[in-house]
C-alpha atoms as a PDB file:
ATOM      1  CA  MET A   1     -29.464-157.492-119.312  1.00  0.00           C
ATOM      2  CA  SER A   2     -28.760-156.028-122.578  1.00  0.00           C
ATOM      3  CA  THR A   3     -27.149-157.316-125.991  1.00  0.00           C
ATOM      4  CA  VAL A   4     -25.889-153.501-126.788  1.00  0.00           C
ATOM      5  CA  ASP A   5     -22.794-152.503-124.930  1.00  0.00           C
ATOM      6  CA  PRO A   6     -24.231-149.855-122.498  1.00  0.00           C
ATOM      7  CA  THR A   7     -21.158-147.641-122.750  1.00  0.00           C
ATOM      8  CA  ILE A   8     -21.251-147.832-126.409  1.00  0.00           C
ATOM      9  CA  ALA A   9     -25.290-146.977-126.446  1.00  0.00           C
ATOM     10  CA  ARG A  10     -24.499-143.905-123.970  1.00  0.00           C
ATOM     11  CA  ARG A  11     -21.827-142.681-125.826  1.00  0.00           C
ATOM     12  CA  GLU A  12     -24.231-142.541-129.363  1.00  0.00           C
ATOM     13  CA  ARG A  13     -26.929-141.266-127.379  1.00  0.00           C
ATOM     14  CA  ALA A  14     -24.305-138.413-126.191  1.00  0.00           C
ATOM     15  CA  GLU A  15     -23.038-137.728-129.548  1.00  0.00           C
ATOM     16  CA  ARG A  16     -26.675-138.052-131.612  1.00  0.00           C
ATOM     17  CA  ARG A  17     -27.152-134.751-133.832  1.00  0.00           C
ATOM     18  CA  PRO A  18     -30.540-133.311-132.585  1.00  0.00           C
ATOM     19  CA  SER A  19     -32.934-133.253-135.374  1.00  0.00           C
ATOM     20  CA  ASN A  20     -34.234-130.083-137.308  1.00  0.00           C
ATOM     21  CA  VAL A  21     -37.949-130.813-135.705  1.00  0.00           C
ATOM     22  CA  ARG A  22     -36.481-130.535-132.144  1.00  0.00           C
ATOM     23  CA  VAL A  23     -34.569-127.528-133.124  1.00  0.00           C
ATOM     24  CA  VAL A  24     -37.630-125.926-134.674  1.00  0.00           C
ATOM     25  CA  VAL A  25     -39.724-126.825-131.821  1.00  0.00           C
ATOM     26  CA  THR A  26     -37.358-125.066-129.378  1.00  0.00           C
ATOM     27  CA  LEU A  27     -37.339-121.784-131.513  1.00  0.00           C
ATOM     28  CA  ILE A  28     -41.167-121.789-131.527  1.00  0.00           C
ATOM     29  CA  LEU A  29     -41.226-122.191-127.440  1.00  0.00           C
ATOM     30  CA  LEU A  30     -38.837-119.207-127.537  1.00  0.00           C
ATOM     31  CA  LEU A  31     -40.981-116.941-129.732  1.00  0.00           C
ATOM     32  CA  VAL A  32     -43.723-118.221-127.623  1.00  0.00           C
ATOM     33  CA  GLY A  33     -42.438-117.614-124.257  1.00  0.00           C
ATOM     34  CA  GLY A  34     -41.177-114.137-125.338  1.00  0.00           C
ATOM     35  CA  LEU A  35     -44.503-113.344-126.742  1.00  0.00           C
ATOM     36  CA  ALA A  36     -46.279-114.124-123.511  1.00  0.00           C
ATOM     37  CA  ALA A  37     -43.574-112.427-121.540  1.00  0.00           C
ATOM     38  CA  GLY A  38     -44.004-109.452-123.524  1.00  0.00           C
ATOM     39  CA  TYR A  39     -47.526-109.271-124.035  1.00  0.00           C
ATOM     40  CA  GLY A  40     -47.483-109.350-120.068  1.00  0.00           C
ATOM     41  CA  TRP A  41     -45.298-106.859-119.512  1.00  0.00           C
ATOM     42  CA  GLY A  42     -46.116-104.206-122.073  1.00  0.00           C
ATOM     43  CA  GLY A  43     -49.819-104.874-121.038  1.00  0.00           C
ATOM     44  CA  PHE A  44     -48.676-104.181-117.373  1.00  0.00           C
ATOM     45  CA  GLY A  45     -46.910-100.872-118.410  1.00  0.00           C
ATOM     46  CA  THR A  46     -49.778 -99.535-120.544  1.00  0.00           C
ATOM     47  CA  MET A  47     -52.203 -99.938-117.804  1.00  0.00           C
ATOM     48  CA  MET A  48     -49.825 -97.954-115.207  1.00  0.00           C
ATOM     49  CA  ALA A  49     -49.194 -95.485-117.501  1.00  0.00           C
ATOM     50  CA  THR A  50     -53.262 -94.741-118.603  1.00  0.00           C
ATOM     51  CA  GLN A  51     -55.199 -95.954-115.867  1.00  0.00           C
ATOM     52  CA  PRO A  52     -53.486 -97.425-112.913  1.00  0.00           C
ATOM     53  CA  GLU A  53     -55.395-100.308-111.468  1.00  0.00           C
ATOM     54  CA  GLU A  54     -55.723-103.927-111.164  1.00  0.00           C
ATOM     55  CA  PRO A  55     -53.982-105.620-113.920  1.00  0.00           C
ATOM     56  CA  PRO A  56     -56.323-108.246-115.867  1.00  0.00           C
ATOM     57  CA  VAL A  57     -55.555-111.676-114.774  1.00  0.00           C
ATOM     58  CA  LEU A  58     -54.582-112.585-118.246  1.00  0.00           C
ATOM     59  CA  ILE A  59     -51.713-110.363-117.889  1.00  0.00           C
ATOM     60  CA  LEU A  60     -50.704-111.001-114.527  1.00  0.00           C
ATOM     61  CA  VAL A  61     -50.616-114.588-115.804  1.00  0.00           C
ATOM     62  CA  ALA A  62     -48.499-113.928-119.109  1.00  0.00           C
ATOM     63  CA  ILE A  63     -45.754-112.819-117.316  1.00  0.00           C
ATOM     64  CA  PRO A  64     -44.567-115.308-115.449  1.00  0.00           C
ATOM     65  CA  LEU A  65     -45.625-118.133-117.954  1.00  0.00           C
ATOM     66  CA  GLY A  66     -43.830-116.268-120.544  1.00  0.00           C
ATOM     67  CA  MET A  67     -40.806-115.682-118.913  1.00  0.00           C
ATOM     68  CA  MET A  68     -40.880-119.437-117.270  1.00  0.00           C
ATOM     69  CA  LEU A  69     -41.496-120.817-121.054  1.00  0.00           C
ATOM     70  CA  ALA A  70     -38.386-118.352-122.407  1.00  0.00           C
ATOM     71  CA  ILE A  71     -36.038-119.704-119.620  1.00  0.00           C
ATOM     72  CA  GLY A  72     -36.679-122.931-120.092  1.00  0.00           C
ATOM     73  CA  ALA A  73     -36.143-122.833-124.023  1.00  0.00           C
ATOM     74  CA  SER A  74     -33.447-120.684-123.794  1.00  0.00           C
ATOM     75  CA  ILE A  75     -31.726-123.462-121.562  1.00  0.00           C
ATOM     76  CA  ALA A  76     -32.527-126.179-124.110  1.00  0.00           C
ATOM     77  CA  TRP A  77     -31.246-124.028-126.780  1.00  0.00           C
ATOM     78  CA  ALA A  78     -28.066-123.856-125.226  1.00  0.00           C
ATOM     79  CA  ALA A  79     -28.070-127.739-124.887  1.00  0.00           C
ATOM     80  CA  LEU A  80     -28.666-127.589-129.022  1.00  0.00           C
ATOM     81  CA  VAL A  81     -25.904-125.608-129.626  1.00  0.00           C
ATOM     82  CA  MET A  82     -23.470-127.309-127.476  1.00  0.00           C
ATOM     83  CA  LYS A  83     -24.457-130.425-129.815  1.00  0.00           C
ATOM     84  CA  ARG A  84     -24.768-128.893-132.826  1.00  0.00           C
ATOM     85  CA  GLY A  85     -22.219-126.564-134.170  1.00  0.00           C
ATOM     86  CA  ASP A  86     -24.101-124.834-137.125  1.00  0.00           C
ATOM     87  CA  LEU A  87     -26.197-123.517-134.655  1.00  0.00           C
ATOM     88  CA  GLY A  88     -25.543-120.263-132.394  1.00  0.00           C
ATOM     89  CA  ILE A  89     -26.584-118.864-129.025  1.00  0.00           C
ATOM     90  CA  MET A  90     -27.584-115.339-131.140  1.00  0.00           C
ATOM     91  CA  TYR A  91     -30.634-117.180-133.203  1.00  0.00           C
ATOM     92  CA  GLY A  92     -32.353-118.162-129.997  1.00  0.00           C
ATOM     93  CA  ASN A  93     -31.615-114.495-128.522  1.00  0.00           C
ATOM     94  CA  ALA A  94     -33.385-112.954-131.474  1.00  0.00           C
ATOM     95  CA  ALA A  95     -36.683-115.680-131.317  1.00  0.00           C
ATOM     96  CA  VAL A  96     -37.100-114.289-127.950  1.00  0.00           C
ATOM     97  CA  LEU A  97     -37.004-110.588-128.503  1.00  0.00           C
ATOM     98  CA  LEU A  98     -38.896-110.925-131.934  1.00  0.00           C
ATOM     99  CA  GLY A  99     -41.629-112.644-129.724  1.00  0.00           C
ATOM    100  CA  ALA A 100     -41.154-110.159-126.785  1.00  0.00           C
ATOM    101  CA  GLY A 101     -41.243-107.059-129.431  1.00  0.00           C
ATOM    102  CA  ALA A 102     -44.473-108.475-131.093  1.00  0.00           C
ATOM    103  CA  GLY A 103     -46.428-109.178-127.722  1.00  0.00           C
ATOM    104  CA  VAL A 104     -45.399-105.486-126.504  1.00  0.00           C
ATOM    105  CA  ILE A 105     -46.833-104.152-129.742  1.00  0.00           C
ATOM    106  CA  LEU A 106     -49.889-106.419-129.615  1.00  0.00           C
ATOM    107  CA  VAL A 107     -50.967-105.072-126.468  1.00  0.00           C
ATOM    108  CA  SER A 108     -50.069-101.640-126.461  1.00  0.00           C
ATOM    109  CA  ALA A 109     -50.520-100.346-130.594  1.00  0.00           C
ATOM    110  CA  GLU A 110     -54.219 -99.439-129.984  1.00  0.00           C
ATOM    111  CA  SER A 111     -54.715 -97.334-126.729  1.00  0.00           C
ATOM    112  CA  GLY A 112     -51.102 -97.569-125.231  1.00  0.00           C
ATOM    113  CA  PRO A 113     -48.919 -94.972-124.922  1.00  0.00           C
ATOM    114  CA  ALA A 114     -46.266 -94.296-127.630  1.00  0.00           C
ATOM    115  CA  PHE A 115     -42.961 -95.000-125.367  1.00  0.00           C
ATOM    116  CA  VAL A 116     -44.563 -98.721-124.742  1.00  0.00           C
ATOM    117  CA  THR A 117     -45.117 -99.243-128.696  1.00  0.00           C
ATOM    118  CA  THR A 118     -41.649 -97.647-129.181  1.00  0.00           C
ATOM    119  CA  ILE A 119     -40.279-100.288-126.698  1.00  0.00           C
ATOM    120  CA  GLY A 120     -41.934-103.141-128.652  1.00  0.00           C
ATOM    121  CA  TYR A 121     -40.424-101.740-131.984  1.00  0.00           C
ATOM    122  CA  GLY A 122     -36.831-101.767-129.984  1.00  0.00           C
ATOM    123  CA  LEU A 123     -37.015-105.270-128.938  1.00  0.00           C
ATOM    124  CA  ILE A 124     -37.860-106.188-132.631  1.00  0.00           C
ATOM    125  CA  ALA A 125     -34.458-104.438-133.821  1.00  0.00           C
ATOM    126  CA  LEU A 126     -32.885-105.952-130.995  1.00  0.00           C
ATOM    127  CA  ALA A 127     -33.852-109.226-132.684  1.00  0.00           C
ATOM    128  CA  VAL A 128     -32.837-108.278-135.971  1.00  0.00           C
ATOM    129  CA  VAL A 129     -29.187-107.246-134.517  1.00  0.00           C
ATOM    130  CA  CYS A 130     -29.278-110.819-133.017  1.00  0.00           C
ATOM    131  CA  LEU A 131     -30.071-112.736-136.425  1.00  0.00           C
ATOM    132  CA  MET A 132     -27.534-110.701-138.283  1.00  0.00           C
ATOM    133  CA  LEU A 133     -25.106-111.651-135.750  1.00  0.00           C
ATOM    134  CA  GLY A 134     -26.057-115.104-135.868  1.00  0.00           C
ATOM    135  CA  ILE A 135     -25.499-115.264-139.319  1.00  0.00           C
ATOM    136  CA  ALA A 136     -22.022-113.409-139.460  1.00  0.00           C
ATOM    137  CA  ALA A 137     -21.083-116.533-136.870  1.00  0.00           C
ATOM    138  CA  ALA A 138     -22.434-118.740-139.140  1.00  0.00           C
ATOM    139  CA  GLY A 139     -20.332-117.214-142.020  1.00  0.00           C
ATOM    140  CA  ALA A 140     -17.218-117.253-139.729  1.00  0.00           C
ATOM    141  CA  ARG A 141     -17.830-121.011-138.778  1.00  0.00           C
ATOM    142  CA  ALA A 142     -18.367-121.888-142.544  1.00  0.00           C
ATOM    143  CA  ARG A 143     -15.177-120.095-143.558  1.00  0.00           C
ATOM    144  CA  ARG A 144     -13.411-122.070-140.266  1.00  0.00           C
ATOM    145  CA  GLU A 145     -14.336-125.345-141.594  1.00  0.00           C
ATOM    146  CA  ASN A 146     -13.489-124.819-145.075  1.00  0.00           C
ATOM    147  CA  ALA A 147     -10.000-123.450-143.903  1.00  0.00           C
ATOM    148  CA  ASP A 148      -9.618-126.907-141.736  1.00  0.00           C
ATOM    149  CA  GLU A 149     -10.296-129.250-144.714  1.00  0.00           C
ATOM    150  CA  ALA A 150      -8.336-127.342-146.943  1.00  0.00           C
ATOM    151  CA  ALA A 151      -5.227-127.706-144.389  1.00  0.00           C
ATOM    152  CA  MET A 152      -6.330-131.711-144.085  1.00  0.00           C
ATOM    153  CA  ARG A 153      -5.826-131.824-147.861  1.00  0.00           C
ATOM    154  CA  THR A 154      -2.700-130.323-148.409  1.00  0.00           C
ATOM    155  CA  GLY A 155      -0.803-130.294-144.725  1.00  0.00           C
ATOM    156  CA  THR A 156       1.307-132.681-143.394  1.00  0.00           C
ATOM    157  CA  GLN A 157      -0.270-135.457-140.866  1.00  0.00           C
ATOM    158  CA  VAL A 158       1.540-136.467-137.477  1.00  0.00           C
ATOM    159  CA  THR A 159       0.660-138.211-134.409  1.00  0.00           C
ATOM    160  CA  ALA A 160      -0.453-135.520-131.600  1.00  0.00           C
ATOM    161  CA  VAL A 161      -0.687-136.241-127.760  1.00  0.00           C
ATOM    162  CA  VAL A 162      -2.597-134.859-125.455  1.00  0.00           C
ATOM    163  CA  THR A 163      -0.440-133.441-122.747  1.00  0.00           C
ATOM    164  CA  ASP A 164      -3.150-131.874-120.595  1.00  0.00           C
ATOM    165  CA  LYS A 165      -6.591-132.774-121.400  1.00  0.00           C
ATOM    166  CA  GLY A 166      -8.005-129.817-119.434  1.00  0.00           C
ATOM    167  CA  TYR A 167      -9.959-131.299-116.691  1.00  0.00           C
ATOM    168  CA  THR A 168     -10.047-133.416-113.234  1.00  0.00           C
ATOM    169  CA  MET A 169     -13.395-135.073-113.110  1.00  0.00           C
ATOM    170  CA  PHE A 170     -17.161-134.982-114.301  1.00  0.00           C
ATOM    171  CA  ARG A 171     -19.204-133.532-111.643  1.00  0.00           C
ATOM    172  CA  GLU A 172     -22.757-132.919-111.634  1.00  0.00           C
ATOM    173  CA  SER A 173     -22.439-132.244-115.769  1.00  0.00           C
ATOM    174  CA  ASP A 174     -21.800-135.297-118.037  1.00  0.00           C
ATOM    175  CA  ARG A 175     -20.230-132.170-119.812  1.00  0.00           C
ATOM    176  CA  ILE A 176     -17.161-130.386-119.540  1.00  0.00           C
ATOM    177  CA  PHE A 177     -16.341-127.322-121.463  1.00  0.00           C
ATOM    178  CA  THR A 178     -12.344-127.156-121.309  1.00  0.00           C
ATOM    179  CA  THR A 179      -9.105-126.428-123.332  1.00  0.00           C
ATOM    180  CA  VAL A 180      -7.058-129.560-124.263  1.00  0.00           C
ATOM    181  CA  THR A 181      -3.531-129.327-125.039  1.00  0.00           C
ATOM    182  CA  PHE A 182      -1.892-131.352-127.732  1.00  0.00           C
ATOM    183  CA  GLY A 183       2.002-132.164-128.180  1.00  0.00           C
ATOM    184  CA  PHE A 184       3.431-132.951-131.428  1.00  0.00           C
ATOM    185  CA  THR A 185       6.888-132.769-133.019  1.00  0.00           C
ATOM    186  CA  ASP A 186       6.973-131.188-136.772  1.00  0.00           C
ATOM    187  CA  LEU A 187       9.716-132.207-139.646  1.00  0.00           C
ATOM    188  CA  GLN A 188      12.771-130.616-138.177  1.00  0.00           C
ATOM    189  CA  GLY A 189      12.301-132.338-134.757  1.00  0.00           C
ATOM    190  CA  THR A 190      11.033-129.325-132.848  1.00  0.00           C
ATOM    191  CA  GLN A 191       8.551-130.211-129.953  1.00  0.00           C
ATOM    192  CA  ARG A 192       5.161-127.873-130.568  1.00  0.00           C
ATOM    193  CA  TRP A 193       1.947-127.755-128.321  1.00  0.00           C
ATOM    194  CA  VAL A 194      -1.462-126.428-129.598  1.00  0.00           C
ATOM    195  CA  GLN A 195      -4.648-125.655-127.707  1.00  0.00           C
ATOM    196  CA  ARG A 196      -8.270-126.330-128.738  1.00  0.00           C
ATOM    197  CA  PRO A 197     -11.426-125.371-126.667  1.00  0.00           C
ATOM    198  CA  MET A 198     -13.579-128.611-126.669  1.00  0.00           C
ATOM    199  CA  LEU A 199     -16.691-130.207-125.248  1.00  0.00           C
ATOM    200  CA  ILE A 200     -15.827-133.267-123.742  1.00  0.00           C
ATOM    201  CA  THR A 201     -18.519-135.854-122.215  1.00  0.00           C
ATOM    202  CA  ALA A 202     -18.418-138.192-120.045  1.00  0.00           C
ATOM    203  CA  ALA A 203     -19.787-141.105-122.255  1.00  0.00           C
ATOM    204  CA  ASP A 204     -16.504-140.249-124.509  1.00  0.00           C
ATOM    205  CA  PRO A 205     -13.662-138.730-122.141  1.00  0.00           C
ATOM    206  CA  ILE A 206     -10.031-137.687-123.053  1.00  0.00           C
ATOM    207  CA  GLN A 207      -7.436-138.619-121.449  1.00  0.00           C
ATOM    208  CA  ASP A 208      -4.082-137.462-120.933  1.00  0.00           C
ATOM    209  CA  GLY A 209      -1.660-139.416-123.296  1.00  0.00           C
ATOM    210  CA  GLN A 210      -4.273-140.421-126.041  1.00  0.00           C
ATOM    211  CA  GLN A 211      -3.066-140.088-129.612  1.00  0.00           C
ATOM    212  CA  THR A 212      -4.940-138.534-132.391  1.00  0.00           C
ATOM    213  CA  ARG A 213      -3.927-137.248-135.935  1.00  0.00           C
ATOM    214  CA  LEU A 214      -2.793-133.800-136.167  1.00  0.00           C
ATOM    215  CA  TRP A 215      -2.191-131.620-139.569  1.00  0.00           C
ATOM    216  CA  PHE A 216       0.070-128.865-140.354  1.00  0.00           C
ATOM    217  CA  ASP A 217       1.361-126.462-142.704  1.00  0.00           C
ATOM    218  CA  PRO A 218       5.157-128.088-143.240  1.00  0.00           C
ATOM    219  CA  ALA A 219       6.493-124.325-144.426  1.00  0.00           C
ATOM    220  CA  ASN A 220       5.303-122.848-141.419  1.00  0.00           C
ATOM    221  CA  PRO A 221       4.335-125.555-138.417  1.00  0.00           C
ATOM    222  CA  GLY A 222       4.129-122.521-136.310  1.00  0.00           C
ATOM    223  CA  ASN A 223       0.586-121.571-137.843  1.00  0.00           C
ATOM    224  CA  ASP A 224      -1.740-122.303-135.425  1.00  0.00           C
ATOM    225  CA  LYS A 225      -4.386-121.220-137.702  1.00  0.00           C
ATOM    226  CA  ALA A 226      -3.379-124.114-140.244  1.00  0.00           C
ATOM    227  CA  ILE A 227      -3.054-127.083-137.448  1.00  0.00           C
ATOM    228  CA  VAL A 228      -6.216-128.990-137.195  1.00  0.00           C
ATOM    229  CA  VAL A 229      -6.150-131.964-134.682  1.00  0.00           C
ATOM    230  CA  GLU A 230      -8.818-134.246-135.037  1.00  0.00           C
ATOM    231  CA  LEU A 231      -9.899-134.813-131.841  1.00  0.00           C
ATOM    232  CA  ALA A 232     -11.140-131.160-131.825  1.00  0.00           C
ATOM    233  CA  HIS A 233     -12.198-131.150-135.244  1.00  0.00           C
ATOM    234  CA  ARG A 234     -14.974-133.762-134.163  1.00  0.00           C
ATOM    235  CA  SER A 235     -16.458-132.075-131.406  1.00  0.00           C
ATOM    236  CA  PRO A 236     -19.875-131.072-131.389  1.00  0.00           C
ATOM    237  CA  LEU A 237     -19.203-127.193-131.260  1.00  0.00           C
ATOM    238  CA  ARG A 238     -17.764-127.322-134.583  1.00  0.00           C
ATOM    239  CA  ALA A 239     -19.999-127.067-137.418  1.00  0.00           C
ATOM    240  CA  ARG A 240     -19.179-129.692-140.101  1.00  0.00           C
ATOM    241  CA  THR A 241     -20.646-129.625-142.974  1.00  0.00           C
ATOM    242  CA  ARG A 242     -18.342-132.149-144.538  1.00  0.00           C
ATOM    243  CA  ARG A 243     -16.416-135.195-143.091  1.00  0.00           C
ATOM    244  CA  ALA A 244     -14.115-135.946-145.801  1.00  0.00           C
ATOM    245  CA  GLY A 245     -11.022-134.984-143.793  1.00  0.00           C
ATOM    246  CA  ALA A 246     -11.929-136.479-140.384  1.00  0.00           C
ATOM    247  CA  GLN A 247     -12.310-139.942-142.261  1.00  0.00           C
ATOM    248  CA  ARG A 248      -9.239-140.025-144.054  1.00  0.00           C
END
């Protein structure tokens, strides 16, 4: 028996924003996993190129442990990204590549062949590229967020209806990434439809016929970029730095 509605509690857990500590810990695990894997593969490559023989136990252990840690942490990072729109997959990729590059350089810098060390620096260069792509994507999300907030302040508000929720049922996962179709009528009485990608959870499903608020530009109601749907705007995939528009 519980004094709290289990449906509400489950929904709150699903919508809870992952803490910054959890984000940092996951990034560290990605970095360490990449470091171990890079150290193992770099050491193996160095030995094969210089003196082919039985690799040390440390190298043999570092490869599988590092790869398992990197894969597990990557899955955890993807789950964080689905719940926090201010993050991005590229940040996780950058952490793994940075660790792998550092591991390769660490094990081959002194006596390893030049091409192995070069691979290490190449991995670090790829990490920088991923980081830059992540920063660029974050900037694009912030600009989109600002545009949505402006549209909600200056646009016309109407009621939109879910005409196609985009899925049938939840199966193995309690989350579904799908495209939801919303229908609304503009000020001239024209019926219009707009689609938005959404992450839907079993704790907070979307139903056909469900109503939500929608803002559009009255001077150009067909401008999809100026249309904001409240349900999609509240999605964890969106980077929400301000909630003013959604709370009106």
